[in-house]
mmCIF file of all heavy atoms, coordinates in Angstrom:
data_MODEL
# 
_entry.id   MODEL 
# 
loop_
_atom_site.group_PDB 
_atom_site.id 
_atom_site.type_symbol 
_atom_site.label_atom_id 
_atom_site.label_alt_id 
_atom_site.label_comp_id 
_atom_site.label_asym_id 
_atom_site.label_entity_id 
_atom_site.label_seq_id 
_atom_site.pdbx_PDB_ins_code 
_atom_site.Cartn_x 
_atom_site.Cartn_y 
_atom_site.Cartn_z 
_atom_site.occupancy 
_atom_site.B_iso_or_equiv 
_atom_site.pdbx_formal_charge 
_atom_site.auth_seq_id 
_atom_site.auth_comp_id 
_atom_site.auth_asym_id 
_atom_site.auth_atom_id 
_atom_site.pdbx_PDB_model_num 
ATOM 1   N N   . VAL A 1 1  ? -5.729  8.710  -8.542  1.00 0.00 ? 1  VAL A N   1 
ATOM 2   C CA  . VAL A 1 1  ? -5.649  7.293  -8.921  1.00 0.00 ? 1  VAL A CA  1 
ATOM 3   C C   . VAL A 1 1  ? -5.678  7.206  -10.445 1.00 0.00 ? 1  VAL A C   1 
ATOM 4   O O   . VAL A 1 1  ? -6.542  7.807  -11.092 1.00 0.00 ? 1  VAL A O   1 
ATOM 5   C CB  . VAL A 1 1  ? -6.816  6.495  -8.314  1.00 0.00 ? 1  VAL A CB  1 
ATOM 6   C CG1 . VAL A 1 1  ? -6.805  5.056  -8.819  1.00 0.00 ? 1  VAL A CG1 1 
ATOM 7   C CG2 . VAL A 1 1  ? -6.742  6.533  -6.798  1.00 0.00 ? 1  VAL A CG2 1 
ATOM 8   N N   . SER A 1 2  ? -4.741  6.455  -11.020 1.00 0.00 ? 2  SER A N   1 
ATOM 9   C CA  . SER A 1 2  ? -4.690  6.346  -12.480 1.00 0.00 ? 2  SER A CA  1 
ATOM 10  C C   . SER A 1 2  ? -4.829  4.913  -12.974 1.00 0.00 ? 2  SER A C   1 
ATOM 11  O O   . SER A 1 2  ? -4.864  4.675  -14.177 1.00 0.00 ? 2  SER A O   1 
ATOM 12  C CB  . SER A 1 2  ? -3.373  6.933  -13.009 1.00 0.00 ? 2  SER A CB  1 
ATOM 13  O OG  . SER A 1 2  ? -2.265  6.236  -12.464 1.00 0.00 ? 2  SER A OG  1 
ATOM 14  N N   . GLY A 1 3  ? -4.916  3.939  -12.040 1.00 0.00 ? 3  GLY A N   1 
ATOM 15  C CA  . GLY A 1 3  ? -5.052  2.547  -12.459 1.00 0.00 ? 3  GLY A CA  1 
ATOM 16  C C   . GLY A 1 3  ? -5.553  1.659  -11.336 1.00 0.00 ? 3  GLY A C   1 
ATOM 17  O O   . GLY A 1 3  ? -5.510  2.034  -10.155 1.00 0.00 ? 3  GLY A O   1 
ATOM 18  N N   . ILE A 1 4  ? -6.021  0.480  -11.701 1.00 0.00 ? 4  ILE A N   1 
ATOM 19  C CA  . ILE A 1 4  ? -6.593  -0.454 -10.732 1.00 0.00 ? 4  ILE A CA  1 
ATOM 20  C C   . ILE A 1 4  ? -5.520  -1.009 -9.795  1.00 0.00 ? 4  ILE A C   1 
ATOM 21  O O   . ILE A 1 4  ? -5.776  -1.238 -8.605  1.00 0.00 ? 4  ILE A O   1 
ATOM 22  C CB  . ILE A 1 4  ? -7.315  -1.599 -11.458 1.00 0.00 ? 4  ILE A CB  1 
ATOM 23  C CG1 . ILE A 1 4  ? -8.463  -1.039 -12.315 1.00 0.00 ? 4  ILE A CG1 1 
ATOM 24  C CG2 . ILE A 1 4  ? -7.851  -2.625 -10.473 1.00 0.00 ? 4  ILE A CG2 1 
ATOM 25  C CD1 . ILE A 1 4  ? -9.504  -0.266 -11.516 1.00 0.00 ? 4  ILE A CD1 1 
ATOM 26  N N   . ALA A 1 5  ? -4.319  -1.234 -10.303 1.00 0.00 ? 5  ALA A N   1 
ATOM 27  C CA  . ALA A 1 5  ? -3.251  -1.777 -9.458  1.00 0.00 ? 5  ALA A CA  1 
ATOM 28  C C   . ALA A 1 5  ? -2.949  -0.826 -8.300  1.00 0.00 ? 5  ALA A C   1 
ATOM 29  O O   . ALA A 1 5  ? -2.777  -1.254 -7.151  1.00 0.00 ? 5  ALA A O   1 
ATOM 30  C CB  . ALA A 1 5  ? -1.988  -2.017 -10.286 1.00 0.00 ? 5  ALA A CB  1 
ATOM 31  N N   . GLU A 1 6  ? -2.883  0.487  -8.586  1.00 0.00 ? 6  GLU A N   1 
ATOM 32  C CA  . GLU A 1 6  ? -2.672  1.481  -7.533  1.00 0.00 ? 6  GLU A CA  1 
ATOM 33  C C   . GLU A 1 6  ? -3.797  1.419  -6.504  1.00 0.00 ? 6  GLU A C   1 
ATOM 34  O O   . GLU A 1 6  ? -3.563  1.455  -5.295  1.00 0.00 ? 6  GLU A O   1 
ATOM 35  C CB  . GLU A 1 6  ? -2.682  2.899  -8.111  1.00 0.00 ? 6  GLU A CB  1 
ATOM 36  C CG  . GLU A 1 6  ? -1.576  3.273  -9.006  1.00 0.00 ? 6  GLU A CG  1 
ATOM 37  C CD  . GLU A 1 6  ? -1.732  4.702  -9.498  1.00 0.00 ? 6  GLU A CD  1 
ATOM 38  O OE1 . GLU A 1 6  ? -2.855  5.136  -9.799  1.00 0.00 ? 6  GLU A OE1 1 
ATOM 39  O OE2 . GLU A 1 6  ? -0.697  5.366  -9.593  1.00 0.00 ? 6  GLU A OE2 1 
ATOM 40  N N   . LEU A 1 7  ? -5.010  1.357  -7.014  1.00 0.00 ? 7  LEU A N   1 
ATOM 41  C CA  . LEU A 1 7  ? -6.168  1.343  -6.121  1.00 0.00 ? 7  LEU A CA  1 
ATOM 42  C C   . LEU A 1 7  ? -6.148  0.118  -5.221  1.00 0.00 ? 7  LEU A C   1 
ATOM 43  O O   . LEU A 1 7  ? -6.405  0.216  -4.013  1.00 0.00 ? 7  LEU A O   1 
ATOM 44  C CB  . LEU A 1 7  ? -7.461  1.379  -6.950  1.00 0.00 ? 7  LEU A CB  1 
ATOM 45  C CG  . LEU A 1 7  ? -8.761  1.337  -6.162  1.00 0.00 ? 7  LEU A CG  1 
ATOM 46  C CD1 . LEU A 1 7  ? -8.842  2.503  -5.180  1.00 0.00 ? 7  LEU A CD1 1 
ATOM 47  C CD2 . LEU A 1 7  ? -9.966  1.352  -7.105  1.00 0.00 ? 7  LEU A CD2 1 
ATOM 48  N N   . ASP A 1 8  ? -5.827  -1.041 -5.790  1.00 0.00 ? 8  ASP A N   1 
ATOM 49  C CA  . ASP A 1 8  ? -5.781  -2.265 -4.985  1.00 0.00 ? 8  ASP A CA  1 
ATOM 50  C C   . ASP A 1 8  ? -4.725  -2.163 -3.885  1.00 0.00 ? 8  ASP A C   1 
ATOM 51  O O   . ASP A 1 8  ? -4.943  -2.607 -2.750  1.00 0.00 ? 8  ASP A O   1 
ATOM 52  C CB  . ASP A 1 8  ? -5.492  -3.476 -5.880  1.00 0.00 ? 8  ASP A CB  1 
ATOM 53  C CG  . ASP A 1 8  ? -6.710  -3.900 -6.688  1.00 0.00 ? 8  ASP A CG  1 
ATOM 54  O OD1 . ASP A 1 8  ? -7.831  -3.497 -6.311  1.00 0.00 ? 8  ASP A OD1 1 
ATOM 55  O OD2 . ASP A 1 8  ? -6.544  -4.614 -7.693  1.00 0.00 ? 8  ASP A OD2 1 
ATOM 56  N N   . GLU A 1 9  ? -3.584  -1.590 -4.228  1.00 0.00 ? 9  GLU A N   1 
ATOM 57  C CA  . GLU A 1 9  ? -2.521  -1.439 -3.227  1.00 0.00 ? 9  GLU A CA  1 
ATOM 58  C C   . GLU A 1 9  ? -2.976  -0.499 -2.104  1.00 0.00 ? 9  GLU A C   1 
ATOM 59  O O   . GLU A 1 9  ? -2.726  -0.759 -0.916  1.00 0.00 ? 9  GLU A O   1 
ATOM 60  C CB  . GLU A 1 9  ? -1.266  -0.887 -3.906  1.00 0.00 ? 9  GLU A CB  1 
ATOM 61  C CG  . GLU A 1 9  ? -0.038  -0.902 -3.012  1.00 0.00 ? 9  GLU A CG  1 
ATOM 62  C CD  . GLU A 1 9  ? 1.217   -0.430 -3.726  1.00 0.00 ? 9  GLU A CD  1 
ATOM 63  O OE1 . GLU A 1 9  ? 1.188   -0.281 -4.970  1.00 0.00 ? 9  GLU A OE1 1 
ATOM 64  O OE2 . GLU A 1 9  ? 2.236   -0.194 -3.031  1.00 0.00 ? 9  GLU A OE2 1 
ATOM 65  N N   . ALA A 1 10 ? -3.655  0.584  -2.475  1.00 0.00 ? 10 ALA A N   1 
ATOM 66  C CA  . ALA A 1 10 ? -4.159  1.525  -1.474  1.00 0.00 ? 10 ALA A CA  1 
ATOM 67  C C   . ALA A 1 10 ? -5.235  0.869  -0.607  1.00 0.00 ? 10 ALA A C   1 
ATOM 68  O O   . ALA A 1 10 ? -5.275  1.066  0.615   1.00 0.00 ? 10 ALA A O   1 
ATOM 69  C CB  . ALA A 1 10 ? -4.718  2.771  -2.160  1.00 0.00 ? 10 ALA A CB  1 
ATOM 70  N N   . ILE A 1 11 ? -6.109  0.075  -1.229  1.00 0.00 ? 11 ILE A N   1 
ATOM 71  C CA  . ILE A 1 11 ? -7.180  -0.600 -0.474  1.00 0.00 ? 11 ILE A CA  1 
ATOM 72  C C   . ILE A 1 11 ? -6.586  -1.592 0.521   1.00 0.00 ? 11 ILE A C   1 
ATOM 73  O O   . ILE A 1 11 ? -7.072  -1.726 1.655   1.00 0.00 ? 11 ILE A O   1 
ATOM 74  C CB  . ILE A 1 11 ? -8.167  -1.294 -1.439  1.00 0.00 ? 11 ILE A CB  1 
ATOM 75  C CG1 . ILE A 1 11 ? -8.980  -0.235 -2.201  1.00 0.00 ? 11 ILE A CG1 1 
ATOM 76  C CG2 . ILE A 1 11 ? -9.101  -2.234 -0.675  1.00 0.00 ? 11 ILE A CG2 1 
ATOM 77  C CD1 . ILE A 1 11 ? -9.891  -0.807 -3.271  1.00 0.00 ? 11 ILE A CD1 1 
ATOM 78  N N   . ASN A 1 12 ? -5.528  -2.291 0.118   1.00 0.00 ? 12 ASN A N   1 
ATOM 79  C CA  . ASN A 1 12 ? -4.887  -3.243 1.031   1.00 0.00 ? 12 ASN A CA  1 
ATOM 80  C C   . ASN A 1 12 ? -4.367  -2.533 2.283   1.00 0.00 ? 12 ASN A C   1 
ATOM 81  O O   . ASN A 1 12 ? -4.523  -3.038 3.407   1.00 0.00 ? 12 ASN A O   1 
ATOM 82  C CB  . ASN A 1 12 ? -3.742  -3.963 0.314   1.00 0.00 ? 12 ASN A CB  1 
ATOM 83  C CG  . ASN A 1 12 ? -4.238  -4.972 -0.705  1.00 0.00 ? 12 ASN A CG  1 
ATOM 84  O OD1 . ASN A 1 12 ? -5.374  -5.456 -0.606  1.00 0.00 ? 12 ASN A OD1 1 
ATOM 85  N ND2 . ASN A 1 12 ? -3.413  -5.298 -1.689  1.00 0.00 ? 12 ASN A ND2 1 
ATOM 86  N N   . LEU A 1 13 ? -3.754  -1.374 2.095   1.00 0.00 ? 13 LEU A N   1 
ATOM 87  C CA  . LEU A 1 13 ? -3.266  -0.615 3.243   1.00 0.00 ? 13 LEU A CA  1 
ATOM 88  C C   . LEU A 1 13 ? -4.435  -0.088 4.079   1.00 0.00 ? 13 LEU A C   1 
ATOM 89  O O   . LEU A 1 13 ? -4.373  -0.058 5.315   1.00 0.00 ? 13 LEU A O   1 
ATOM 90  C CB  . LEU A 1 13 ? -2.388  0.546  2.776   1.00 0.00 ? 13 LEU A CB  1 
ATOM 91  C CG  . LEU A 1 13 ? -1.030  0.137  2.176   1.00 0.00 ? 13 LEU A CG  1 
ATOM 92  C CD1 . LEU A 1 13 ? -0.346  1.321  1.514   1.00 0.00 ? 13 LEU A CD1 1 
ATOM 93  C CD2 . LEU A 1 13 ? -0.129  -0.462 3.260   1.00 0.00 ? 13 LEU A CD2 1 
ATOM 94  N N   . PHE A 1 14 ? -5.501  0.306  3.408   1.00 0.00 ? 14 PHE A N   1 
ATOM 95  C CA  . PHE A 1 14 ? -6.690  0.775  4.115   1.00 0.00 ? 14 PHE A CA  1 
ATOM 96  C C   . PHE A 1 14 ? -7.284  -0.345 4.975   1.00 0.00 ? 14 PHE A C   1 
ATOM 97  O O   . PHE A 1 14 ? -7.610  -0.129 6.153   1.00 0.00 ? 14 PHE A O   1 
ATOM 98  C CB  . PHE A 1 14 ? -7.723  1.273  3.091   1.00 0.00 ? 14 PHE A CB  1 
ATOM 99  C CG  . PHE A 1 14 ? -9.052  1.639  3.677   1.00 0.00 ? 14 PHE A CG  1 
ATOM 100 C CD1 . PHE A 1 14 ? -9.219  2.805  4.398   1.00 0.00 ? 14 PHE A CD1 1 
ATOM 101 C CD2 . PHE A 1 14 ? -10.148 0.802  3.515   1.00 0.00 ? 14 PHE A CD2 1 
ATOM 102 C CE1 . PHE A 1 14 ? -10.453 3.148  4.937   1.00 0.00 ? 14 PHE A CE1 1 
ATOM 103 C CE2 . PHE A 1 14 ? -11.383 1.124  4.051   1.00 0.00 ? 14 PHE A CE2 1 
ATOM 104 C CZ  . PHE A 1 14 ? -11.532 2.307  4.765   1.00 0.00 ? 14 PHE A CZ  1 
ATOM 105 N N   . GLU A 1 15 ? -7.402  -1.544 4.408   1.00 0.00 ? 15 GLU A N   1 
ATOM 106 C CA  . GLU A 1 15 ? -7.963  -2.681 5.150   1.00 0.00 ? 15 GLU A CA  1 
ATOM 107 C C   . GLU A 1 15 ? -7.068  -3.053 6.331   1.00 0.00 ? 15 GLU A C   1 
ATOM 108 O O   . GLU A 1 15 ? -7.554  -3.443 7.399   1.00 0.00 ? 15 GLU A O   1 
ATOM 109 C CB  . GLU A 1 15 ? -8.151  -3.880 4.223   1.00 0.00 ? 15 GLU A CB  1 
ATOM 110 C CG  . GLU A 1 15 ? -9.161  -3.668 3.112   1.00 0.00 ? 15 GLU A CG  1 
ATOM 111 C CD  . GLU A 1 15 ? -10.583 -3.446 3.631   1.00 0.00 ? 15 GLU A CD  1 
ATOM 112 O OE1 . GLU A 1 15 ? -10.835 -3.637 4.843   1.00 0.00 ? 15 GLU A OE1 1 
ATOM 113 O OE2 . GLU A 1 15 ? -11.455 -3.079 2.831   1.00 0.00 ? 15 GLU A OE2 1 
ATOM 114 N N   . ARG A 1 16 ? -5.765  -2.914 6.134   1.00 0.00 ? 16 ARG A N   1 
ATOM 115 C CA  . ARG A 1 16 ? -4.834  -3.192 7.233   1.00 0.00 ? 16 ARG A CA  1 
ATOM 116 C C   . ARG A 1 16 ? -5.056  -2.209 8.382   1.00 0.00 ? 16 ARG A C   1 
ATOM 117 O O   . ARG A 1 16 ? -5.089  -2.608 9.561   1.00 0.00 ? 16 ARG A O   1 
ATOM 118 C CB  . ARG A 1 16 ? -3.402  -3.089 6.709   1.00 0.00 ? 16 ARG A CB  1 
ATOM 119 C CG  . ARG A 1 16 ? -2.330  -3.246 7.777   1.00 0.00 ? 16 ARG A CG  1 
ATOM 120 C CD  . ARG A 1 16 ? -0.958  -3.202 7.131   1.00 0.00 ? 16 ARG A CD  1 
ATOM 121 N NE  . ARG A 1 16 ? 0.093   -2.918 8.117   1.00 0.00 ? 16 ARG A NE  1 
ATOM 122 C CZ  . ARG A 1 16 ? 1.378   -2.743 7.807   1.00 0.00 ? 16 ARG A CZ  1 
ATOM 123 N NH1 . ARG A 1 16 ? 1.763   -2.827 6.540   1.00 0.00 ? 16 ARG A NH1 1 
ATOM 124 N NH2 . ARG A 1 16 ? 2.269   -2.487 8.747   1.00 0.00 ? 16 ARG A NH2 1 
ATOM 125 N N   . ALA A 1 17 ? -5.237  -0.913 8.033   1.00 0.00 ? 17 ALA A N   1 
ATOM 126 C CA  . ALA A 1 17 ? -5.490  0.092  9.062   1.00 0.00 ? 17 ALA A CA  1 
ATOM 127 C C   . ALA A 1 17 ? -6.829  -0.160 9.750   1.00 0.00 ? 17 ALA A C   1 
ATOM 128 O O   . ALA A 1 17 ? -6.951  -0.004 10.971  1.00 0.00 ? 17 ALA A O   1 
ATOM 129 C CB  . ALA A 1 17 ? -5.464  1.489  8.434   1.00 0.00 ? 17 ALA A CB  1 
ATOM 130 N N   . VAL A 1 18 ? -7.837  -0.554 8.992   1.00 0.00 ? 18 VAL A N   1 
ATOM 131 C CA  . VAL A 1 18 ? -9.155  -0.859 9.566   1.00 0.00 ? 18 VAL A CA  1 
ATOM 132 C C   . VAL A 1 18 ? -9.045  -1.992 10.581  1.00 0.00 ? 18 VAL A C   1 
ATOM 133 O O   . VAL A 1 18 ? -9.604  -1.922 11.689  1.00 0.00 ? 18 VAL A O   1 
ATOM 134 C CB  . VAL A 1 18 ? -10.160 -1.232 8.445   1.00 0.00 ? 18 VAL A CB  1 
ATOM 135 C CG1 . VAL A 1 18 ? -11.436 -1.827 9.048   1.00 0.00 ? 18 VAL A CG1 1 
ATOM 136 C CG2 . VAL A 1 18 ? -10.499 -0.010 7.603   1.00 0.00 ? 18 VAL A CG2 1 
ATOM 137 N N   . LYS A 1 19 ? -8.307  -3.022 10.215  1.00 0.00 ? 19 LYS A N   1 
ATOM 138 C CA  . LYS A 1 19 ? -8.153  -4.179 11.103  1.00 0.00 ? 19 LYS A CA  1 
ATOM 139 C C   . LYS A 1 19 ? -7.446  -3.774 12.399  1.00 0.00 ? 19 LYS A C   1 
ATOM 140 O O   . LYS A 1 19 ? -7.868  -4.169 13.505  1.00 0.00 ? 19 LYS A O   1 
ATOM 141 C CB  . LYS A 1 19 ? -7.353  -5.270 10.385  1.00 0.00 ? 19 LYS A CB  1 
ATOM 142 C CG  . LYS A 1 19 ? -7.197  -6.554 11.188  1.00 0.00 ? 19 LYS A CG  1 
ATOM 143 C CD  . LYS A 1 19 ? -6.445  -7.610 10.377  1.00 0.00 ? 19 LYS A CD  1 
ATOM 144 C CE  . LYS A 1 19 ? -6.274  -8.892 11.195  1.00 0.00 ? 19 LYS A CE  1 
ATOM 145 N NZ  . LYS A 1 19 ? -5.529  -9.927 10.412  1.00 0.00 ? 19 LYS A NZ  1 
ATOM 146 N N   . GLU A 1 20 ? -6.377  -2.969 12.276  1.00 0.00 ? 20 GLU A N   1 
ATOM 147 C CA  . GLU A 1 20 ? -5.614  -2.558 13.459  1.00 0.00 ? 20 GLU A CA  1 
ATOM 148 C C   . GLU A 1 20 ? -6.464  -1.709 14.408  1.00 0.00 ? 20 GLU A C   1 
ATOM 149 O O   . GLU A 1 20 ? -6.473  -1.931 15.625  1.00 0.00 ? 20 GLU A O   1 
ATOM 150 C CB  . GLU A 1 20 ? -4.371  -1.776 13.026  1.00 0.00 ? 20 GLU A CB  1 
ATOM 151 C CG  . GLU A 1 20 ? -3.321  -2.622 12.320  1.00 0.00 ? 20 GLU A CG  1 
ATOM 152 C CD  . GLU A 1 20 ? -2.140  -1.799 11.833  1.00 0.00 ? 20 GLU A CD  1 
ATOM 153 O OE1 . GLU A 1 20 ? -2.070  -0.597 12.193  1.00 0.00 ? 20 GLU A OE1 1 
ATOM 154 O OE2 . GLU A 1 20 ? -1.292  -2.334 11.088  1.00 0.00 ? 20 GLU A OE2 1 
ATOM 155 N N   . ILE A 1 21 ? -7.193  -0.739 13.859  1.00 0.00 ? 21 ILE A N   1 
ATOM 156 C CA  . ILE A 1 21 ? -7.992  0.159  14.711  1.00 0.00 ? 21 ILE A CA  1 
ATOM 157 C C   . ILE A 1 21 ? -9.203  -0.579 15.269  1.00 0.00 ? 21 ILE A C   1 
ATOM 158 O O   . ILE A 1 21 ? -9.622  -0.325 16.411  1.00 0.00 ? 21 ILE A O   1 
ATOM 159 C CB  . ILE A 1 21 ? -8.417  1.413  13.927  1.00 0.00 ? 21 ILE A CB  1 
ATOM 160 C CG1 . ILE A 1 21 ? -7.182  2.191  13.463  1.00 0.00 ? 21 ILE A CG1 1 
ATOM 161 C CG2 . ILE A 1 21 ? -9.305  2.314  14.786  1.00 0.00 ? 21 ILE A CG2 1 
ATOM 162 C CD1 . ILE A 1 21 ? -6.250  2.603  14.584  1.00 0.00 ? 21 ILE A CD1 1 
ATOM 163 N N   . ALA A 1 22 ? -9.767  -1.504 14.499  1.00 0.00 ? 22 ALA A N   1 
ATOM 164 C CA  . ALA A 1 22 ? -10.911 -2.287 14.996  1.00 0.00 ? 22 ALA A CA  1 
ATOM 165 C C   . ALA A 1 22 ? -10.501 -3.120 16.205  1.00 0.00 ? 22 ALA A C   1 
ATOM 166 O O   . ALA A 1 22 ? -11.239 -3.207 17.201  1.00 0.00 ? 22 ALA A O   1 
ATOM 167 C CB  . ALA A 1 22 ? -11.459 -3.169 13.885  1.00 0.00 ? 22 ALA A CB  1 
ATOM 168 N N   . GLN A 1 23 ? -9.318  -3.732 16.119  1.00 0.00 ? 23 GLN A N   1 
ATOM 169 C CA  . GLN A 1 23 ? -8.827  -4.536 17.244  1.00 0.00 ? 23 GLN A CA  1 
ATOM 170 C C   . GLN A 1 23 ? -8.546  -3.651 18.452  1.00 0.00 ? 23 GLN A C   1 
ATOM 171 O O   . GLN A 1 23 ? -8.885  -3.994 19.592  1.00 0.00 ? 23 GLN A O   1 
ATOM 172 C CB  . GLN A 1 23 ? -7.559  -5.279 16.821  1.00 0.00 ? 23 GLN A CB  1 
ATOM 173 C CG  . GLN A 1 23 ? -7.807  -6.389 15.798  1.00 0.00 ? 23 GLN A CG  1 
ATOM 174 C CD  . GLN A 1 23 ? -6.512  -7.015 15.304  1.00 0.00 ? 23 GLN A CD  1 
ATOM 175 O OE1 . GLN A 1 23 ? -5.416  -6.496 15.540  1.00 0.00 ? 23 GLN A OE1 1 
ATOM 176 N NE2 . GLN A 1 23 ? -6.633  -8.150 14.613  1.00 0.00 ? 23 GLN A NE2 1 
ATOM 177 N N   . GLU A 1 24 ? -7.944  -2.488 18.192  1.00 0.00 ? 24 GLU A N   1 
ATOM 178 C CA  . GLU A 1 24 ? -7.644  -1.552 19.276  1.00 0.00 ? 24 GLU A CA  1 
ATOM 179 C C   . GLU A 1 24 ? -8.932  -1.056 19.927  1.00 0.00 ? 24 GLU A C   1 
ATOM 180 O O   . GLU A 1 24 ? -9.021  -0.940 21.160  1.00 0.00 ? 24 GLU A O   1 
ATOM 181 C CB  . GLU A 1 24 ? -6.856  -0.370 18.692  1.00 0.00 ? 24 GLU A CB  1 
ATOM 182 C CG  . GLU A 1 24 ? -6.495  0.709  19.689  1.00 0.00 ? 24 GLU A CG  1 
ATOM 183 C CD  . GLU A 1 24 ? -5.808  1.886  19.018  1.00 0.00 ? 24 GLU A CD  1 
ATOM 184 O OE1 . GLU A 1 24 ? -4.769  1.678  18.360  1.00 0.00 ? 24 GLU A OE1 1 
ATOM 185 O OE2 . GLU A 1 24 ? -6.330  3.010  19.130  1.00 0.00 ? 24 GLU A OE2 1 
ATOM 186 N N   . ALA A 1 25 ? -9.959  -0.774 19.107  1.00 0.00 ? 25 ALA A N   1 
ATOM 187 C CA  . ALA A 1 25 ? -11.236 -0.283 19.633  1.00 0.00 ? 25 ALA A CA  1 
ATOM 188 C C   . ALA A 1 25 ? -11.930 -1.349 20.466  1.00 0.00 ? 25 ALA A C   1 
ATOM 189 O O   . ALA A 1 25 ? -12.532 -1.047 21.511  1.00 0.00 ? 25 ALA A O   1 
ATOM 190 C CB  . ALA A 1 25 ? -12.130 0.162  18.481  1.00 0.00 ? 25 ALA A CB  1 
ATOM 191 N N   . ALA A 1 26 ? -11.852 -2.590 20.012  1.00 0.00 ? 26 ALA A N   1 
ATOM 192 C CA  . ALA A 1 26 ? -12.533 -3.685 20.717  1.00 0.00 ? 26 ALA A CA  1 
ATOM 193 C C   . ALA A 1 26 ? -11.982 -3.861 22.130  1.00 0.00 ? 26 ALA A C   1 
ATOM 194 O O   . ALA A 1 26 ? -12.732 -4.165 23.068  1.00 0.00 ? 26 ALA A O   1 
ATOM 195 C CB  . ALA A 1 26 ? -12.378 -4.977 19.922  1.00 0.00 ? 26 ALA A CB  1 
ATOM 196 N N   . ILE A 1 27 ? -10.681 -3.648 22.304  1.00 0.00 ? 27 ILE A N   1 
ATOM 197 C CA  . ILE A 1 27 ? -10.063 -3.769 23.625  1.00 0.00 ? 27 ILE A CA  1 
ATOM 198 C C   . ILE A 1 27 ? -10.692 -2.788 24.603  1.00 0.00 ? 27 ILE A C   1 
ATOM 199 O O   . ILE A 1 27 ? -10.840 -3.066 25.793  1.00 0.00 ? 27 ILE A O   1 
ATOM 200 C CB  . ILE A 1 27 ? -8.537  -3.534 23.521  1.00 0.00 ? 27 ILE A CB  1 
ATOM 201 C CG1 . ILE A 1 27 ? -7.890  -4.647 22.688  1.00 0.00 ? 27 ILE A CG1 1 
ATOM 202 C CG2 . ILE A 1 27 ? -7.897  -3.445 24.894  1.00 0.00 ? 27 ILE A CG2 1 
ATOM 203 C CD1 . ILE A 1 27 ? -6.418  -4.417 22.402  1.00 0.00 ? 27 ILE A CD1 1 
ATOM 204 N N   . HIS A 1 28 ? -11.102 -1.612 24.082  1.00 0.00 ? 28 HIS A N   1 
ATOM 205 C CA  . HIS A 1 28 ? -11.693 -0.569 24.927  1.00 0.00 ? 28 HIS A CA  1 
ATOM 206 C C   . HIS A 1 28 ? -13.219 -0.572 24.861  1.00 0.00 ? 28 HIS A C   1 
ATOM 207 O O   . HIS A 1 28 ? -13.877 0.388  25.278  1.00 0.00 ? 28 HIS A O   1 
ATOM 208 C CB  . HIS A 1 28 ? -11.168 0.806  24.514  1.00 0.00 ? 28 HIS A CB  1 
ATOM 209 C CG  . HIS A 1 28 ? -9.686  0.963  24.702  1.00 0.00 ? 28 HIS A CG  1 
ATOM 210 N ND1 . HIS A 1 28 ? -8.773  0.639  23.721  1.00 0.00 ? 28 HIS A ND1 1 
ATOM 211 C CD2 . HIS A 1 28 ? -8.960  1.390  25.776  1.00 0.00 ? 28 HIS A CD2 1 
ATOM 212 C CE1 . HIS A 1 28 ? -7.546  0.874  24.166  1.00 0.00 ? 28 HIS A CE1 1 
ATOM 213 N NE2 . HIS A 1 28 ? -7.631  1.328  25.414  1.00 0.00 ? 28 HIS A NE2 1 
ATOM 214 N N   . GLY A 1 29 ? -13.772 -1.647 24.321  1.00 0.00 ? 29 GLY A N   1 
ATOM 215 C CA  . GLY A 1 29 ? -15.222 -1.798 24.298  1.00 0.00 ? 29 GLY A CA  1 
ATOM 216 C C   . GLY A 1 29 ? -15.932 -0.990 23.229  1.00 0.00 ? 29 GLY A C   1 
ATOM 217 O O   . GLY A 1 29 ? -17.133 -0.724 23.341  1.00 0.00 ? 29 GLY A O   1 
# 
């Protein structure tokens, strides 16, 4: 990582993945 803009973009993708897997996990309890 060399700048904040890169980090923010990576965090956005990370949060998107967290949301998707959290929803998938909730379906299976």
